[in-house]
Amino acid sequence: MSQTPDVSTNPPQMIFVNMPVKDLPRSMQFFKSLGYEFNAQFTNDQAACMVISETIYVMLLTETFFRSFTAKALCDTATTTEMLVCLSSTSRAAVDELVGKAVVAGAKCPKAPMDFGFMYQRAFEDLDGHIWEVIWMDPAHVQQQSGSQAAS
């Protein structure tokens, strides 16, 4: 029988997404204009620690520094997508607001908004071509689905 973990001894798992960038100060300014902050303790001229939440961070790494972590070539984001980063949002309006700020700051929108009624999604490409999806899901729909799956 599984038990709820004791977070006092087992803190929530964290995620650090590492992303190569061509111009670190420019990328930092872009994300600051979207409302994100950086942890100065883990930020220098090679890397910047962007805080998404208490457990989610994006490490913006200069391409040279990023290459020191892998022997593989970096993908060309103009022609290749390696991954999609998807962030949840509190409302449809919040989705539009964040994507709107990104566009004003120089981002491109790679596709039209997608509206499924219970879920609303938009996307933007940051200054380095990384694709960020921003979604809102109706909490009532999510809870309803979770309850029906638990009963199975």
Protein backbone atom coordinates (compact mmCIF):
# COMPACT_ATOMS: atom_id res chain seq x y z
CA MET A 1 0.00 0.00 0.00
CA SER A 2 1.51 3.32 -1.01
CA GLN A 3 1.62 6.19 1.42
CA THR A 4 1.74 9.91 0.85
CA PRO A 5 5.41 10.94 1.02
CA ASP A 6 6.51 13.07 3.94
CA VAL A 7 7.58 16.32 2.25
CA SER A 8 9.53 17.37 5.34
CA THR A 9 12.03 14.57 4.61
CA ASN A 10 11.29 14.11 0.90
CA PRO A 11 10.90 17.53 -0.74
CA PRO A 12 8.96 17.70 -4.04
CA GLN A 13 11.01 16.71 -7.07
CA MET A 14 12.30 19.68 -9.05
CA ILE A 15 12.93 20.09 -12.76
CA PHE A 16 15.72 22.08 -14.40
CA VAL A 17 15.23 22.41 -18.14
CA ASN A 18 18.53 23.30 -19.84
CA MET A 19 18.25 25.40 -22.99
CA PRO A 20 21.00 26.74 -25.25
CA VAL A 21 20.79 30.42 -26.18
CA LYS A 22 22.81 32.51 -28.61
CA ASP A 23 22.78 35.77 -26.62
CA LEU A 24 22.28 35.28 -22.86
CA PRO A 25 21.61 38.94 -21.88
CA ARG A 26 19.10 39.29 -24.74
CA SER A 27 17.33 36.05 -23.76
CA MET A 28 17.21 37.12 -20.12
CA GLN A 29 15.66 40.46 -21.11
CA PHE A 30 13.10 38.64 -23.27
CA PHE A 31 11.96 36.40 -20.40
CA LYS A 32 12.04 39.29 -17.89
CA SER A 33 9.59 41.11 -20.17
CA LEU A 34 7.27 38.10 -19.78
CA GLY A 35 7.39 38.51 -16.00
CA TYR A 36 9.94 35.83 -15.08
CA GLU A 37 12.70 36.39 -12.54
CA PHE A 38 16.19 34.94 -12.31
CA ASN A 39 17.94 33.39 -9.33
CA ALA A 40 21.15 35.43 -9.03
CA GLN A 41 22.87 32.65 -7.08
CA PHE A 42 22.85 30.47 -10.21
CA THR A 43 23.32 33.16 -12.85
CA ASN A 44 26.57 34.34 -14.41
CA ASP A 45 27.94 35.20 -17.86
CA GLN A 46 27.46 31.58 -19.06
CA ALA A 47 24.12 30.64 -17.52
CA ALA A 48 20.97 32.12 -16.05
CA CYS A 49 18.51 30.34 -13.77
CA MET A 50 14.98 31.42 -14.72
CA VAL A 51 12.38 30.73 -12.05
CA ILE A 52 9.07 29.35 -13.37
CA SER A 53 7.82 28.14 -9.96
CA GLU A 54 9.15 26.81 -6.68
CA THR A 55 9.98 23.52 -8.36
CA ILE A 56 10.47 24.42 -12.05
CA TYR A 57 13.51 26.25 -13.41
CA VAL A 58 14.89 26.88 -16.89
CA MET A 59 18.64 27.14 -17.19
CA LEU A 60 19.45 29.40 -20.11
CA LEU A 61 22.97 28.39 -21.14
CA THR A 62 25.23 30.02 -23.70
CA GLU A 63 25.67 27.63 -26.61
CA THR A 64 29.36 27.17 -25.77
CA PHE A 65 28.57 26.29 -22.16
CA PHE A 66 25.66 24.03 -23.19
CA ARG A 67 28.00 22.07 -25.49
CA SER A 68 30.18 21.21 -22.47
CA PHE A 69 27.32 18.99 -21.20
CA THR A 70 26.88 16.87 -24.33
CA ALA A 71 28.88 15.42 -27.19
CA LYS A 72 25.86 15.70 -29.50
CA ALA A 73 25.35 18.58 -31.90
CA LEU A 74 22.83 21.27 -31.08
CA CYS A 75 19.72 21.22 -33.23
CA ASP A 76 19.02 24.06 -35.63
CA THR A 77 15.76 25.43 -34.24
CA ALA A 78 15.02 27.12 -37.57
CA THR A 79 14.42 23.68 -39.10
CA THR A 80 14.22 21.21 -36.19
CA THR A 81 12.18 20.96 -33.01
CA GLU A 82 13.82 18.97 -30.26
CA MET A 83 11.10 19.42 -27.65
CA LEU A 84 8.07 21.51 -26.72
CA VAL A 85 7.93 23.19 -23.34
CA CYS A 86 4.35 23.46 -22.12
CA LEU A 87 3.30 25.70 -19.23
CA SER A 88 -0.12 25.74 -17.61
CA SER A 89 -1.96 28.99 -17.06
CA THR A 90 -4.76 30.14 -14.77
CA SER A 91 -7.18 31.27 -17.50
CA ARG A 92 -7.68 31.79 -21.23
CA ALA A 93 -6.97 35.48 -20.72
CA ALA A 94 -3.69 34.65 -18.96
CA VAL A 95 -2.68 32.46 -21.93
CA ASP A 96 -3.36 35.34 -24.32
CA GLU A 97 -1.56 37.81 -22.05
CA LEU A 98 1.65 35.78 -21.81
CA VAL A 99 1.77 35.01 -25.54
CA GLY A 100 0.99 38.68 -26.28
CA LYS A 101 3.92 39.79 -24.12
CA ALA A 102 6.17 37.29 -25.90
CA VAL A 103 5.19 38.60 -29.33
CA VAL A 104 5.80 42.22 -28.27
CA ALA A 105 9.25 41.11 -27.00
CA GLY A 106 10.14 39.54 -30.37
CA ALA A 107 8.65 36.04 -30.33
CA LYS A 108 6.89 34.42 -33.28
CA CYS A 109 3.65 32.44 -33.12
CA PRO A 110 4.20 29.16 -35.01
CA LYS A 111 0.50 28.22 -35.21
CA ALA A 112 -2.99 29.51 -34.60
CA PRO A 113 -4.57 29.18 -31.13
CA MET A 114 -6.25 25.84 -30.47
CA ASP A 115 -9.58 25.90 -28.62
CA PHE A 116 -11.06 22.58 -27.51
CA GLY A 117 -13.65 24.12 -25.17
CA PHE A 118 -12.25 22.52 -22.02
CA MET A 119 -8.67 23.38 -23.09
CA TYR A 120 -7.20 26.47 -24.75
CA GLN A 121 -3.66 26.47 -26.13
CA ARG A 122 -1.32 28.94 -27.80
CA ALA A 123 2.37 28.77 -28.58
CA PHE A 124 5.31 31.06 -29.23
CA GLU A 125 8.89 30.63 -30.42
CA ASP A 126 11.38 32.47 -28.22
CA LEU A 127 14.35 34.41 -29.63
CA ASP A 128 16.31 31.17 -30.11
CA GLY A 129 13.45 29.26 -31.79
CA HIS A 130 12.49 27.14 -28.76
CA ILE A 131 8.74 26.50 -28.77
CA TRP A 132 6.79 27.30 -25.61
CA GLU A 133 3.16 26.19 -25.39
CA VAL A 134 0.85 27.88 -22.91
CA ILE A 135 -2.38 26.11 -21.98
CA TRP A 136 -5.44 26.58 -19.83
CA MET A 137 -7.59 23.59 -18.91
CA ASP A 138 -11.02 23.84 -17.30
CA PRO A 139 -10.47 22.49 -13.75
CA ALA A 140 -13.99 21.02 -13.69
CA HIS A 141 -13.24 18.94 -16.78
CA VAL A 142 -9.90 17.73 -15.41
CA GLN A 143 -11.45 16.73 -12.08
CA GLN A 144 -14.30 14.95 -13.83
CA GLN A 145 -11.88 12.93 -15.96
CA SER A 146 -9.64 12.10 -12.99
CA GLY A 147 -12.61 10.83 -10.99
CA SER A 148 -13.88 8.61 -13.82
CA GLN A 149 -10.41 7.12 -14.39
CA ALA A 150 -9.96 6.41 -10.67
CA ALA A 151 -13.22 4.45 -10.68
CA SER A 152 -12.02 2.14 -13.48
